[in-house]
């Protein structure tokens, strides 16, 4: 199938599906009409859950709470104002979004199983609140919704078409988020939240927006659903089984995809109808919970990625059968393209871009960095060397905000930064690579680079990350490092050295004043070492400042000036490469008595 035909299929199939669903009520079959109404509710709920859990990785077991919030908000407002619940249904979405915002604030530092427990507690807490707030909600007696005012011949068409419209909006919202910087930022948070914060993704803001987006349409759907069932009961509106069904639908179809939750809902709801018919009696709720819990376990074990991702992977393998993988193609020693234009930043008159003064870091009784002090001059390539365990990487972690300092201060561009978080230091102009490249495995090479944000502007979050200015800039940087042909490759498909180049392009996307390179040559072949050296020199000639940690002494001493030497967390020498290589204390502590600088070994870096 050609790319054009695939695009037509992606656009035409959903439109045809919506058209067919729109024709169902005309058949007059009330059974299937009602089953589809429940399917739409579940699909909207699962799609909302997917925005929170599929994109950000924050799994919720209490997402059905937003159904109850929307239903009770519309029910109370309708009774108070004497209007149709349809008119106040948007208020249910607003209320759900506000509760989701509160949830994001409360769980700001909560991850993993703890977050799951919090969401379940939220569901139970809201159920108890509704049961005990009898003056407003009716308590355990429930709340009666007004009767529909249209004729019997119309059947449930208003509910049907309203929920179908909400499902279309939910899919459109999910698809829109997936294409934006917000969407790829959410996936980056799911893959590696700490790394995401380090490339300028403001994780609290991103998560708050995702949580609100995951709840708003669910709240509106809850309002319509409450009107549809005509009676609001706390047990039914805040039902853990409905949450489990939403989780199961998303996992079955494919978590983190646009259509997976919808597919899962259309598979699951008929199964739910069967259980409703055959699992009756006083223990029906418990039996249904056991059934769906067992089904959830089976899907997790047998289809861990879901139906759509498994099918997509099968098709990808079929299309690429026999083709050379990105790892199998080696980068040649080609001439570098023009150095990308970097954004000018306002600078202070201080020639020292980075200054550490008396910096110490202790981990209990272990002193990793002890009274460390040095400067990085603007426009320099400064090397930080020393034996293993000397504190080099810890210094990097202190500069980029991974660790707080125990004592001392860090100044950057004339401003004290040791009290700032990692993201704010990134916005200040600090970018960092890692000894072991930390890319986002769920994203393509282009998306990995486009995810980086040098500053936080709300308007940027809605910009497309796969087209337009953001993608063009990311493409330019990938071409600069030699990976322009790898835009659509997955990060996991690249070699170790190629990942280092992608991470460099990712940092350049931030347009930082200072780049921290943590062992850029470790584990890569001589061809890539020469390319890495040429890239660093080209950027440095354009005014880029570097601080490099590296154990390849011929590479780092031939490339850098000045050089800072650490031993046991303390600076023992600072100066030009020739002076450092001849320093007896440095030779004794690190280089060895027989070390001799060989400029040619550095791959022609001179």
Protein backbone atom coordinates (compact mmCIF):
# COMPACT_ATOMS: atom_id res chain seq x y z
CA UNK A 1 0.00 0.00 0.00
CA UNK A 2 1.38 3.40 -0.98
CA UNK A 3 1.79 6.28 1.47
CA UNK A 4 -1.02 8.16 -0.29
CA UNK A 5 -3.40 5.22 0.08
CA UNK A 6 -2.48 4.88 3.74
CA UNK A 7 -3.30 8.55 4.32
CA UNK A 8 -6.64 8.15 2.55
CA UNK A 9 -7.41 5.10 4.67
CA UNK A 10 -6.53 6.91 7.89
CA UNK A 11 -8.86 9.76 7.00
CA UNK A 12 -11.63 7.86 5.25
CA UNK A 13 -12.10 4.93 7.64
CA UNK A 14 -13.01 7.07 10.69
CA UNK A 15 -15.41 9.18 8.62
CA UNK A 16 -17.11 6.06 7.28
CA UNK A 17 -17.31 4.60 10.80
CA UNK A 18 -18.96 7.75 12.17
CA UNK A 19 -21.41 7.75 9.25
CA UNK A 20 -22.41 4.14 9.89
CA UNK A 21 -22.84 4.80 13.61
CA UNK A 22 -24.98 7.83 12.81
CA UNK A 23 -27.32 5.62 10.79
CA UNK A 24 -27.91 3.04 13.55
CA UNK A 25 -30.80 4.89 15.29
CA UNK A 26 -32.65 4.99 11.96
CA UNK A 27 -33.01 1.21 12.12
CA UNK A 28 -35.32 1.57 15.10
CA UNK A 29 -33.55 -1.18 17.10
CA UNK A 30 -33.58 0.22 20.63
CA UNK A 31 -31.41 -2.59 22.05
CA UNK A 32 -28.39 -1.86 19.88
CA UNK A 33 -29.00 1.84 20.22
CA UNK A 34 -28.74 1.59 24.01
CA UNK A 35 -25.74 -0.70 23.83
CA UNK A 36 -23.94 1.82 21.62
CA UNK A 37 -24.82 4.62 24.04
CA UNK A 38 -23.02 2.72 26.78
CA UNK A 39 -20.18 1.99 24.36
CA UNK A 40 -19.79 5.70 23.63
CA UNK A 41 -19.66 6.48 27.35
CA UNK A 42 -17.01 3.84 27.91
CA UNK A 43 -15.02 4.98 24.86
CA UNK A 44 -14.98 8.60 26.03
CA UNK A 45 -13.95 7.47 29.51
CA UNK A 46 -11.22 5.17 28.15
CA UNK A 47 -9.94 7.87 25.82
CA UNK A 48 -9.74 10.30 28.73
CA UNK A 49 -7.97 7.72 30.87
CA UNK A 50 -5.55 7.17 28.00
CA UNK A 51 -4.59 10.86 27.98
CA UNK A 52 -3.57 10.57 31.61
CA UNK A 53 -2.16 7.05 31.76
CA UNK A 54 -1.33 6.27 28.14
CA UNK A 55 0.52 9.51 27.42
CA UNK A 56 1.98 10.46 30.80
CA UNK A 57 2.25 7.00 32.37
CA UNK A 58 0.25 8.02 35.46
CA UNK A 59 -2.16 5.12 35.86
CA UNK A 60 -5.52 5.92 37.42
CA UNK A 61 -7.93 3.44 38.96
CA UNK A 62 -10.45 6.10 39.81
CA UNK A 63 -11.14 7.78 36.49
CA UNK A 64 -14.84 6.97 36.66
CA UNK A 65 -14.98 9.60 39.40
CA UNK A 66 -15.18 12.19 36.61
CA UNK A 67 -18.33 10.49 35.31
CA UNK A 68 -19.91 10.96 38.74
CA UNK A 69 -18.65 14.53 39.06
CA UNK A 70 -20.16 15.46 35.70
CA UNK A 71 -23.45 13.70 36.42
CA UNK A 72 -23.98 15.23 39.87
CA UNK A 73 -22.88 18.71 38.75
CA UNK A 74 -25.41 18.68 35.92
CA UNK A 75 -28.08 17.06 38.08
CA UNK A 76 -27.79 19.58 40.90
CA UNK A 77 -27.55 22.55 38.53
CA UNK A 78 -30.53 21.34 36.53
CA UNK A 79 -32.65 20.95 39.67
CA UNK A 80 -31.57 24.31 41.05
CA UNK A 81 -32.09 26.32 37.87
CA UNK A 82 -34.93 24.30 36.36
CA UNK A 83 -33.22 23.78 33.01
CA UNK A 84 -32.45 20.75 30.87
CA UNK A 85 -29.34 18.78 31.94
CA UNK A 86 -28.16 19.09 28.33
CA UNK A 87 -27.74 22.84 28.82
CA UNK A 88 -25.63 22.49 31.97
CA UNK A 89 -23.67 19.42 30.83
CA UNK A 90 -20.60 21.59 29.99
CA UNK A 91 -20.50 22.56 33.69
CA UNK A 92 -19.91 18.89 34.44
CA UNK A 93 -16.84 19.05 32.24
CA UNK A 94 -15.62 22.20 33.99
CA UNK A 95 -16.10 20.63 37.43
CA UNK A 96 -14.27 17.47 36.35
CA UNK A 97 -11.38 19.49 34.93
CA UNK A 98 -11.05 21.48 38.16
CA UNK A 99 -10.95 18.30 40.25
CA UNK A 100 -8.34 16.89 37.84
CA UNK A 101 -6.29 20.07 38.30
CA UNK A 102 -6.50 19.65 42.07
CA UNK A 103 -5.42 16.02 41.66
CA UNK A 104 -2.36 17.09 39.66
CA UNK A 105 -1.37 19.54 42.40
CA UNK A 106 -1.88 17.06 45.23
CA UNK A 107 0.05 14.31 43.44
CA UNK A 108 2.84 16.56 42.15
CA UNK A 109 5.54 14.40 43.71
CA UNK A 110 3.62 11.12 43.59
CA UNK A 111 4.49 8.43 41.05
CA UNK A 112 3.92 4.75 40.36
CA UNK A 113 1.77 2.65 42.69
CA UNK A 114 1.30 5.57 45.08
CA UNK A 115 -0.50 7.52 42.34
CA UNK A 116 -2.78 4.55 41.62
CA UNK A 117 -3.73 4.42 45.30
CA UNK A 118 -4.42 8.16 45.39
CA UNK A 119 -6.78 7.97 42.41
CA UNK A 120 -8.66 5.05 43.93
CA UNK A 121 -8.90 7.00 47.19
CA UNK A 122 -10.28 9.97 45.24
CA UNK A 123 -13.03 7.79 43.79
CA UNK A 124 -13.98 6.47 47.22
CA UNK A 125 -13.76 9.91 48.85
CA UNK A 126 -16.05 11.51 46.28
CA UNK A 127 -18.52 8.64 46.66
CA UNK A 128 -18.58 9.12 50.44
CA UNK A 129 -18.98 12.89 50.03
CA UNK A 130 -21.99 12.45 47.76
CA UNK A 131 -23.54 9.92 50.13
CA UNK A 132 -23.22 12.24 53.12
CA UNK A 133 -24.05 15.58 51.47
CA UNK A 134 -27.73 14.76 51.57
CA UNK A 135 -28.99 18.35 51.39
CA UNK A 136 -27.52 18.77 47.90
CA UNK A 137 -27.07 15.31 46.37
CA UNK A 138 -29.84 13.38 48.07
CA UNK A 139 -27.31 11.10 49.73
CA UNK A 140 -27.86 7.36 49.50
CA UNK A 141 -31.44 7.96 48.33
CA UNK A 142 -30.07 9.29 45.07
CA UNK A 143 -31.04 12.21 42.87
CA UNK A 144 -33.85 12.05 40.35
CA UNK A 145 -33.12 13.71 37.00
CA UNK A 146 -35.90 15.51 35.07
CA UNK A 147 -37.78 13.51 32.50
CA UNK A 148 -36.98 14.11 28.81
CA UNK A 149 -39.36 16.51 27.10
CA UNK A 150 -39.24 15.02 23.59
CA UNK A 151 -41.68 12.49 22.19
CA UNK A 152 -41.45 8.74 22.56
CA UNK A 153 -41.01 8.32 18.79
CA UNK A 154 -37.59 10.01 18.99
CA UNK A 155 -36.49 7.32 21.44
CA UNK A 156 -33.01 8.04 22.83
CA UNK A 157 -31.67 9.89 19.80
CA UNK A 158 -30.61 13.04 21.72
CA UNK A 159 -28.48 10.95 24.10
CA UNK A 160 -27.13 8.85 21.27
CA UNK A 161 -26.03 11.67 18.99
CA UNK A 162 -24.72 13.83 21.83
CA UNK A 163 -22.49 11.02 23.10
CA UNK A 164 -21.42 10.14 19.55
CA UNK A 165 -20.39 13.78 19.12
CA UNK A 166 -18.48 13.68 22.41
CA UNK A 167 -16.68 10.55 21.23
CA UNK A 168 -15.66 12.31 18.00
CA UNK A 169 -14.39 15.24 20.08
CA UNK A 170 -12.50 12.87 22.40
CA UNK A 171 -10.74 11.21 19.47
CA UNK A 172 -9.99 14.60 17.88
CA UNK A 173 -8.59 15.85 21.19
CA UNK A 174 -6.40 12.77 21.59
CA UNK A 175 -5.14 13.02 18.00
CA UNK A 176 -4.46 16.74 18.37
CA UNK A 177 -2.53 16.28 21.61
CA UNK A 178 -0.45 13.47 20.08
CA UNK A 179 0.86 15.77 17.32
CA UNK A 180 1.81 18.72 19.51
CA UNK A 181 4.82 19.50 21.67
CA UNK A 182 2.50 18.93 24.61
CA UNK A 183 1.79 15.39 23.42
CA UNK A 184 5.38 14.33 22.81
CA UNK A 185 6.30 16.03 26.07
CA UNK A 186 3.77 13.84 27.87
CA UNK A 187 5.23 10.71 26.27
CA UNK A 188 8.70 11.91 27.29
CA UNK A 189 7.44 12.22 30.88
CA UNK A 190 6.16 8.65 30.66
CA UNK A 191 9.50 7.34 29.36
CA UNK A 192 11.85 9.31 31.64
CA UNK A 193 10.36 12.11 33.72
CA UNK A 194 13.66 13.31 35.17
CA UNK A 195 15.27 13.53 31.73
CA UNK A 196 12.17 15.32 30.43
CA UNK A 197 12.58 17.98 33.11
CA UNK A 198 16.22 18.32 32.06
CA UNK A 199 15.34 19.26 28.48
CA UNK A 200 12.96 22.02 29.47
CA UNK A 201 9.69 20.12 29.76
CA UNK A 202 7.86 21.77 32.65
CA UNK A 203 6.51 18.51 34.04
CA UNK A 204 4.02 19.98 36.57
CA UNK A 205 2.40 22.17 33.88
CA UNK A 206 2.35 19.37 31.31
CA UNK A 207 0.81 16.91 33.74
CA UNK A 208 -1.80 19.42 34.93
CA UNK A 209 -2.88 20.09 31.35
CA UNK A 210 -2.98 16.36 30.59
CA UNK A 211 -5.05 15.57 33.68
CA UNK A 212 -7.52 18.35 32.86
CA UNK A 213 -7.76 17.25 29.22
CA UNK A 214 -8.36 13.68 30.39
CA UNK A 215 -11.31 14.74 32.54
CA UNK A 216 -13.17 17.52 30.74
CA UNK A 217 -15.01 15.48 28.10
CA UNK A 218 -15.50 12.61 30.55
CA UNK A 219 -17.30 15.07 32.83
CA UNK A 220 -19.58 16.20 30.00
CA UNK A 221 -20.25 12.58 29.04
CA UNK A 222 -21.03 11.85 32.70
CA UNK A 223 -23.63 14.61 32.70
CA UNK A 224 -25.32 13.19 29.59
CA UNK A 225 -25.05 9.65 30.94
CA UNK A 226 -26.66 10.70 34.23
CA UNK A 227 -29.57 12.24 32.32
CA UNK A 228 -29.82 9.07 30.24
CA UNK A 229 -30.16 6.75 33.24
CA UNK A 230 -32.49 9.38 34.84
CA UNK A 231 -31.45 8.54 38.42
CA UNK A 232 -28.13 9.33 40.08
CA UNK A 233 -27.02 6.78 42.63
CA UNK A 234 -23.61 7.21 44.36
CA UNK A 235 -22.78 3.53 43.98
CA UNK A 236 -23.41 3.57 40.23
CA UNK A 237 -21.88 6.98 39.49
CA UNK A 238 -18.66 6.31 41.43
CA UNK A 239 -18.22 2.67 40.43
CA UNK A 240 -14.76 1.06 40.51
CA UNK A 241 -15.96 -1.52 37.94
CA UNK A 242 -16.44 1.26 35.38
CA UNK A 243 -12.88 2.43 36.03
CA UNK A 244 -11.57 -1.11 35.56
CA UNK A 245 -13.50 -1.39 32.29
CA UNK A 246 -11.95 1.86 31.03
CA UNK A 247 -8.45 0.64 31.93
CA UNK A 248 -9.12 -2.69 30.28
CA UNK A 249 -10.49 -1.06 27.11
CA UNK A 250 -7.41 1.15 26.73
CA UNK A 251 -5.00 -1.71 27.42
CA UNK A 252 -6.81 -4.06 25.09
CA UNK A 253 -6.89 -1.64 22.17
CA UNK A 254 -3.50 -0.08 22.83
CA UNK A 255 -2.49 2.33 25.55
CA UNK A 256 -0.87 5.52 24.27
CA UNK A 257 -2.61 5.33 20.88
CA UNK A 258 -5.46 7.46 19.57
CA UNK A 259 -7.79 4.69 18.48
CA UNK A 260 -6.82 1.94 20.92
CA UNK A 261 -9.22 2.95 23.73
CA UNK A 262 -12.07 3.29 21.23
CA UNK A 263 -11.42 -0.14 19.76
CA UNK A 264 -11.18 -1.63 23.24
CA UNK A 265 -14.50 -0.06 24.25
CA UNK A 266 -16.27 -1.44 21.19
CA UNK A 267 -14.95 -4.91 22.04
CA UNK A 268 -15.56 -4.71 25.76
CA UNK A 269 -19.06 -3.28 25.97
CA UNK A 270 -20.72 -6.30 24.27
CA UNK A 271 -18.87 -8.48 26.80
CA UNK A 272 -20.22 -6.25 29.54
CA UNK A 273 -23.75 -6.76 28.19
CA UNK A 274 -23.22 -10.52 28.41
CA UNK A 275 -22.07 -10.30 32.04
CA UNK A 276 -25.02 -8.08 32.91
CA UNK A 277 -27.36 -10.70 31.46
CA UNK A 278 -25.75 -13.77 33.02
CA UNK A 279 -24.20 -12.51 36.27
CA UNK A 280 -27.25 -11.40 38.22
CA UNK A 281 -28.22 -11.61 41.85
CA UNK A 282 -26.88 -10.00 45.01
CA UNK A 283 -23.25 -10.81 44.13
CA UNK A 284 -23.41 -9.46 40.58
CA UNK A 285 -21.15 -6.49 41.26
CA UNK A 286 -18.45 -8.60 42.89
CA UNK A 287 -18.63 -11.22 40.14
CA UNK A 288 -18.31 -8.58 37.43
CA UNK A 289 -15.31 -7.12 39.22
CA UNK A 290 -13.67 -10.55 39.35
CA UNK A 291 -14.45 -11.15 35.68
CA UNK A 292 -13.03 -7.85 34.45
CA UNK A 293 -10.10 -8.06 36.82
CA UNK A 294 -9.24 -11.49 35.41
CA UNK A 295 -9.65 -10.18 31.87
CA UNK A 296 -7.37 -7.25 32.69
CA UNK A 297 -4.72 -9.67 33.96
CA UNK A 298 -5.03 -11.79 30.81
CA UNK A 299 -4.68 -8.79 28.51
CA UNK A 300 -1.66 -7.54 30.45
CA UNK A 301 0.07 -10.90 30.13
CA UNK A 302 -0.92 -11.87 26.58
CA UNK A 303 -1.23 -8.48 24.85
CA UNK A 304 1.02 -6.16 26.86
CA UNK A 305 1.11 -3.55 24.10
CA UNK A 306 -2.51 -3.88 22.97
CA UNK A 307 -4.10 -4.86 19.65
CA UNK A 308 -3.23 -1.78 17.57
CA UNK A 309 0.45 -1.49 18.61
CA UNK A 310 0.95 -5.21 18.03
CA UNK A 311 -0.64 -4.94 14.58
CA UNK A 312 1.39 -1.81 13.76
CA UNK A 313 4.60 -3.57 14.75
CA UNK A 314 3.73 -6.53 12.57
CA UNK A 315 3.06 -4.25 9.58
CA UNK A 316 6.28 -2.31 10.19
CA UNK A 317 8.32 -5.49 10.23
CA UNK A 318 6.66 -6.66 7.04
CA UNK A 319 7.39 -3.35 5.26
CA UNK A 320 11.01 -3.23 6.42
CA UNK A 321 11.79 -6.91 5.84
CA UNK A 322 15.19 -7.12 4.16
CA UNK A 323 15.98 -3.42 4.60
CA UNK A 324 19.16 -2.29 6.32
CA UNK A 325 18.51 -1.14 9.87
CA UNK A 326 19.83 2.24 11.06
CA UNK A 327 22.42 0.43 13.17
CA UNK A 328 23.71 -1.29 10.05
CA UNK A 329 24.51 2.00 8.30
CA UNK A 330 27.72 3.65 9.42
CA UNK A 331 28.26 7.39 9.30
CA UNK A 332 30.98 8.40 6.90
CA UNK A 333 33.63 11.05 7.52
CA UNK A 334 31.65 13.59 5.52
CA UNK A 335 32.07 17.34 5.56
CA UNK A 336 29.88 18.95 8.18
CA UNK A 337 26.97 21.09 7.02
CA UNK A 338 26.81 24.73 8.02
CA UNK A 339 26.65 25.31 11.78
CA UNK A 340 23.02 25.97 12.72
CA UNK A 341 22.19 29.51 13.74
CA UNK A 342 21.82 29.73 17.51
CA UNK A 343 19.57 32.20 19.28
CA UNK A 344 21.50 35.14 20.80
CA UNK A 345 21.05 35.54 24.55
CA UNK A 346 21.51 38.60 26.71
CA UNK A 347 24.85 38.32 28.51
CA UNK A 348 26.39 39.92 31.56
CA UNK A 349 29.82 41.58 31.50
CA UNK A 350 31.26 38.75 33.61
CA UNK A 351 33.58 36.64 31.46
CA UNK A 352 32.95 33.62 33.69
CA UNK A 353 29.78 31.96 32.40
CA UNK A 354 29.78 29.33 35.18
CA UNK A 355 31.38 29.72 38.59
CA UNK A 356 31.46 27.16 41.41
CA UNK A 357 32.50 28.52 44.81
CA UNK A 358 33.18 26.19 47.75
CA UNK A 359 30.70 23.61 46.45
CA UNK A 360 30.31 20.42 48.49
CA UNK A 361 27.99 17.45 48.25
CA UNK A 362 27.60 14.78 50.89
CA UNK A 363 25.61 11.56 50.74
CA UNK A 364 25.33 10.66 54.40
CA UNK A 365 28.89 10.11 55.56
CA UNK A 366 30.30 10.05 52.01
CA UNK A 367 31.82 13.30 50.75
CA UNK A 368 31.49 13.15 46.95
CA UNK A 369 32.48 16.79 46.27
CA UNK A 370 34.49 18.78 48.80
CA UNK A 371 35.00 22.56 48.63
CA UNK A 372 35.12 22.49 44.83
CA UNK A 373 35.65 25.73 42.97
CA UNK A 374 36.42 26.63 39.35
CA UNK A 375 35.17 28.77 36.47
CA UNK A 376 34.08 28.13 32.90
CA UNK A 377 34.92 31.08 30.67
CA UNK A 378 32.51 32.15 27.93
CA UNK A 379 33.39 30.69 24.57
CA UNK A 380 35.79 28.11 26.01
CA UNK A 381 35.94 24.33 25.85
CA UNK A 382 36.71 23.51 29.45
CA UNK A 383 37.60 19.94 30.40
CA UNK A 384 36.85 18.38 33.77
CA UNK A 385 39.06 15.32 34.25
CA UNK A 386 40.08 13.03 37.06
CA UNK A 387 40.11 9.39 38.12
CA UNK A 388 36.94 7.34 38.56
CA UNK A 389 35.18 8.36 41.74
CA UNK A 390 36.73 11.82 41.78
CA UNK A 391 33.30 13.51 41.63
CA UNK A 392 33.13 14.66 38.00
CA UNK A 393 29.62 13.38 37.28
CA UNK A 394 28.47 14.57 40.69
CA UNK A 395 29.66 18.07 39.74
CA UNK A 396 27.57 17.82 36.56
CA UNK A 397 24.59 16.72 38.65
CA UNK A 398 25.08 19.71 40.94
CA UNK A 399 25.34 22.13 38.02
CA UNK A 400 22.23 20.88 36.19
CA UNK A 401 20.15 20.56 39.37
CA UNK A 402 19.90 16.78 39.65
CA UNK A 403 21.36 17.07 43.17
CA UNK A 404 21.19 20.04 45.53
CA UNK A 405 24.46 21.35 46.92
CA UNK A 406 25.27 20.62 50.56
CA UNK A 407 27.38 23.76 50.83
CA UNK A 408 28.73 26.50 48.59
CA UNK A 409 27.13 28.29 45.64
CA UNK A 410 26.85 28.02 41.87
CA UNK A 411 26.56 31.10 39.70
CA UNK A 412 25.62 31.05 36.02
CA UNK A 413 25.64 34.06 33.75
CA UNK A 414 25.93 36.36 36.76
CA UNK A 415 23.02 34.77 38.60
CA UNK A 416 22.95 32.33 41.50
CA UNK A 417 21.27 29.10 40.38
CA UNK A 418 21.97 26.47 43.07
CA UNK A 419 18.49 26.98 44.48
CA UNK A 420 16.74 26.50 41.13
CA UNK A 421 15.24 23.23 39.85
CA UNK A 422 16.53 21.39 36.76
CA UNK A 423 13.95 22.84 34.37
CA UNK A 424 14.61 26.43 35.41
CA UNK A 425 18.33 25.87 34.96
CA UNK A 426 17.60 24.61 31.47
CA UNK A 427 15.64 27.77 30.75
CA UNK A 428 18.58 29.77 32.12
CA UNK A 429 20.79 28.28 29.39
CA UNK A 430 22.30 24.97 30.57
CA UNK A 431 22.02 21.81 28.47
CA UNK A 432 23.43 18.39 29.24
CA UNK A 433 24.19 15.04 27.63
CA UNK A 434 24.80 11.81 29.55
CA UNK A 435 27.50 9.16 29.52
CA UNK A 436 24.75 6.62 28.75
CA UNK A 437 22.44 8.43 26.30
CA UNK A 438 18.99 8.97 27.75
CA UNK A 439 16.62 9.19 24.81
CA UNK A 440 12.89 8.54 24.93
CA UNK A 441 12.33 5.04 23.49
CA UNK A 442 8.69 5.61 22.55
CA UNK A 443 9.54 8.59 20.33
CA UNK A 444 11.13 8.82 16.92
CA UNK A 445 14.47 10.53 16.42
CA UNK A 446 12.73 13.69 15.18
CA UNK A 447 10.31 13.71 18.11
CA UNK A 448 13.16 13.22 20.60
CA UNK A 449 14.78 16.42 19.37
CA UNK A 450 11.55 18.38 18.89
CA UNK A 451 10.46 17.60 22.48
CA UNK A 452 13.17 19.88 23.92
CA UNK A 453 12.03 23.34 25.09
CA UNK A 454 14.48 26.18 25.69
CA UNK A 455 11.76 28.24 27.35
CA UNK A 456 8.21 27.75 28.58
CA UNK A 457 5.53 29.50 26.58
CA UNK A 458 1.96 28.12 26.70
CA UNK A 459 1.45 28.88 23.02
CA UNK A 460 4.35 26.61 22.08
CA UNK A 461 2.64 23.59 23.60
CA UNK A 462 0.01 23.60 20.85
CA UNK A 463 2.55 23.84 18.02
CA UNK A 464 2.96 20.72 15.91
CA UNK A 465 6.03 18.69 16.74
CA UNK A 466 5.92 16.69 13.50
CA UNK A 467 5.58 19.58 11.06
CA UNK A 468 6.12 23.33 10.95
CA UNK A 469 8.86 25.37 12.61
CA UNK A 470 9.60 22.98 15.46
CA UNK A 471 10.10 20.00 13.18
CA UNK A 472 12.11 22.09 10.70
CA UNK A 473 14.50 23.21 13.43
CA UNK A 474 14.86 19.66 14.75
CA UNK A 475 15.55 18.41 11.22
CA UNK A 476 18.22 21.07 10.73
CA UNK A 477 20.00 20.02 13.92
CA UNK A 478 19.82 16.32 13.05
CA UNK A 479 21.30 17.04 9.62
CA UNK A 480 24.08 18.98 11.33
CA UNK A 481 25.07 16.01 13.47
CA UNK A 482 24.78 13.65 10.49
CA UNK A 483 21.45 11.94 11.21
CA UNK A 484 19.16 13.68 8.73
CA UNK A 485 18.20 10.31 7.21
CA UNK A 486 17.06 8.90 10.56
CA UNK A 487 14.11 11.20 11.34
CA UNK A 488 11.44 8.52 11.53
CA UNK A 489 13.61 5.84 13.15
CA UNK A 490 12.87 4.85 16.72
CA UNK A 491 15.49 5.79 19.26
CA UNK A 492 15.73 2.15 20.24
CA UNK A 493 16.73 1.23 16.66
CA UNK A 494 19.89 3.36 16.74
CA UNK A 495 23.39 2.34 17.71
CA UNK A 496 24.97 3.60 20.91
CA UNK A 497 27.04 6.21 19.07
CA UNK A 498 24.09 7.40 17.01
CA UNK A 499 22.10 7.93 20.19
CA UNK A 500 24.87 10.18 21.50
CA UNK A 501 24.58 12.31 18.36
CA UNK A 502 20.78 12.50 18.71
CA UNK A 503 21.19 13.60 22.33
CA UNK A 504 23.61 16.32 21.22
CA UNK A 505 21.04 17.54 18.67
CA UNK A 506 18.41 17.43 21.42
CA UNK A 507 20.54 19.67 23.62
CA UNK A 508 21.20 22.06 20.72
CA UNK A 509 17.42 22.39 20.33
CA UNK A 510 17.50 24.18 23.69
CA UNK A 511 19.95 26.77 22.26
CA UNK A 512 21.87 26.77 25.56
CA UNK A 513 24.74 29.05 26.55
CA UNK A 514 26.59 26.14 28.19
CA UNK A 515 26.62 22.48 27.15
CA UNK A 516 27.73 19.84 29.63
CA UNK A 517 29.10 16.82 27.76
CA UNK A 518 29.44 13.75 29.96
CA UNK A 519 31.95 11.38 28.32
CA UNK A 520 30.87 12.04 24.71
CA UNK A 521 33.43 9.56 23.33
CA UNK A 522 32.78 6.66 25.69
CA UNK A 523 31.85 3.48 23.84
CA UNK A 524 31.82 4.91 20.29
CA UNK A 525 34.02 4.06 17.30
CA UNK A 526 36.89 6.24 16.00
CA UNK A 527 34.79 7.57 13.11
CA UNK A 528 32.18 8.93 15.49
CA UNK A 529 34.88 10.25 17.83
CA UNK A 530 36.30 12.31 14.96
CA UNK A 531 32.81 13.51 14.05
CA UNK A 532 32.05 14.41 17.66
CA UNK A 533 35.29 16.42 17.88
CA UNK A 534 34.51 18.23 14.63
CA UNK A 535 30.98 19.05 15.83
CA UNK A 536 32.26 20.45 19.12
CA UNK A 537 34.86 22.59 17.37
CA UNK A 538 32.37 23.88 14.80
CA UNK A 539 29.93 24.88 17.51
CA UNK A 540 32.68 26.41 19.61
CA UNK A 541 33.82 28.57 16.68
CA UNK A 542 30.23 29.82 16.52
CA UNK A 543 30.48 30.89 20.17
CA UNK A 544 29.18 27.82 22.03
CA UNK A 545 30.68 27.15 25.48
CA UNK A 546 31.37 23.58 26.63
CA UNK A 547 32.25 21.81 29.86
CA UNK A 548 33.41 18.28 29.05
CA UNK A 549 34.00 15.20 31.19
CA UNK A 550 35.99 12.59 29.25
CA UNK A 551 38.48 9.80 29.93
CA UNK A 552 40.02 9.83 26.43
CA UNK A 553 42.88 12.12 27.39
CA UNK A 554 44.22 12.65 23.89
CA UNK A 555 40.74 13.71 22.77
CA UNK A 556 40.00 16.01 25.68
CA UNK A 557 43.44 17.57 26.12
CA UNK A 558 43.82 18.24 22.39
CA UNK A 559 40.37 19.80 22.22
CA UNK A 560 40.06 21.70 25.50
CA UNK A 561 41.54 24.79 27.06
CA UNK A 562 41.53 25.16 30.02
CA UNK A 563 41.51 21.87 31.95
CA UNK A 564 40.27 21.34 35.51
CA UNK A 565 41.48 18.26 37.40
CA UNK A 566 39.47 16.72 40.24
CA UNK A 567 40.68 14.22 42.80
CA UNK A 568 38.48 13.05 45.68
CA UNK A 569 36.00 15.81 44.95
CA UNK A 570 38.56 18.62 45.15
CA UNK A 571 40.25 20.64 42.40
CA UNK A 572 43.96 19.78 42.41
CA UNK A 573 45.00 21.55 39.20
CA UNK A 574 43.69 24.09 36.71
CA UNK A 575 45.39 25.36 33.58
CA UNK A 576 46.36 24.82 29.94
CA UNK A 577 46.52 21.25 28.53
CA UNK A 578 50.33 21.25 28.24
CA UNK A 579 50.71 22.41 31.83
CA UNK A 580 48.19 19.84 33.08
CA UNK A 581 49.83 16.94 31.21
CA UNK A 582 53.20 17.91 32.74
CA UNK A 583 51.91 18.47 36.28
CA UNK A 584 53.46 15.88 38.61
CA UNK A 585 50.51 15.86 40.99
CA UNK A 586 48.10 15.22 38.12
CA UNK A 587 50.33 12.45 36.71
CA UNK A 588 50.50 10.79 40.09
CA UNK A 589 46.75 11.08 40.74
CA UNK A 590 45.43 10.30 37.28
CA UNK A 591 47.47 10.41 34.07
CA UNK A 592 50.39 8.21 35.04
CA UNK A 593 54.10 8.90 34.72
CA UNK A 594 54.29 7.62 31.11
CA UNK A 595 51.45 9.75 29.68
CA UNK A 596 52.29 11.72 26.53
CA UNK A 597 49.85 13.93 24.63
CA UNK A 598 49.35 12.73 21.04
CA UNK A 599 47.39 15.32 19.08
CA UNK A 600 47.10 13.06 16.06
CA UNK A 601 45.25 10.42 18.08
CA UNK A 602 42.44 12.85 18.64
CA UNK A 603 41.33 12.32 15.07
CA UNK A 604 42.62 15.53 13.59
CA UNK A 605 40.95 17.75 16.15
CA UNK A 606 43.62 20.39 15.92
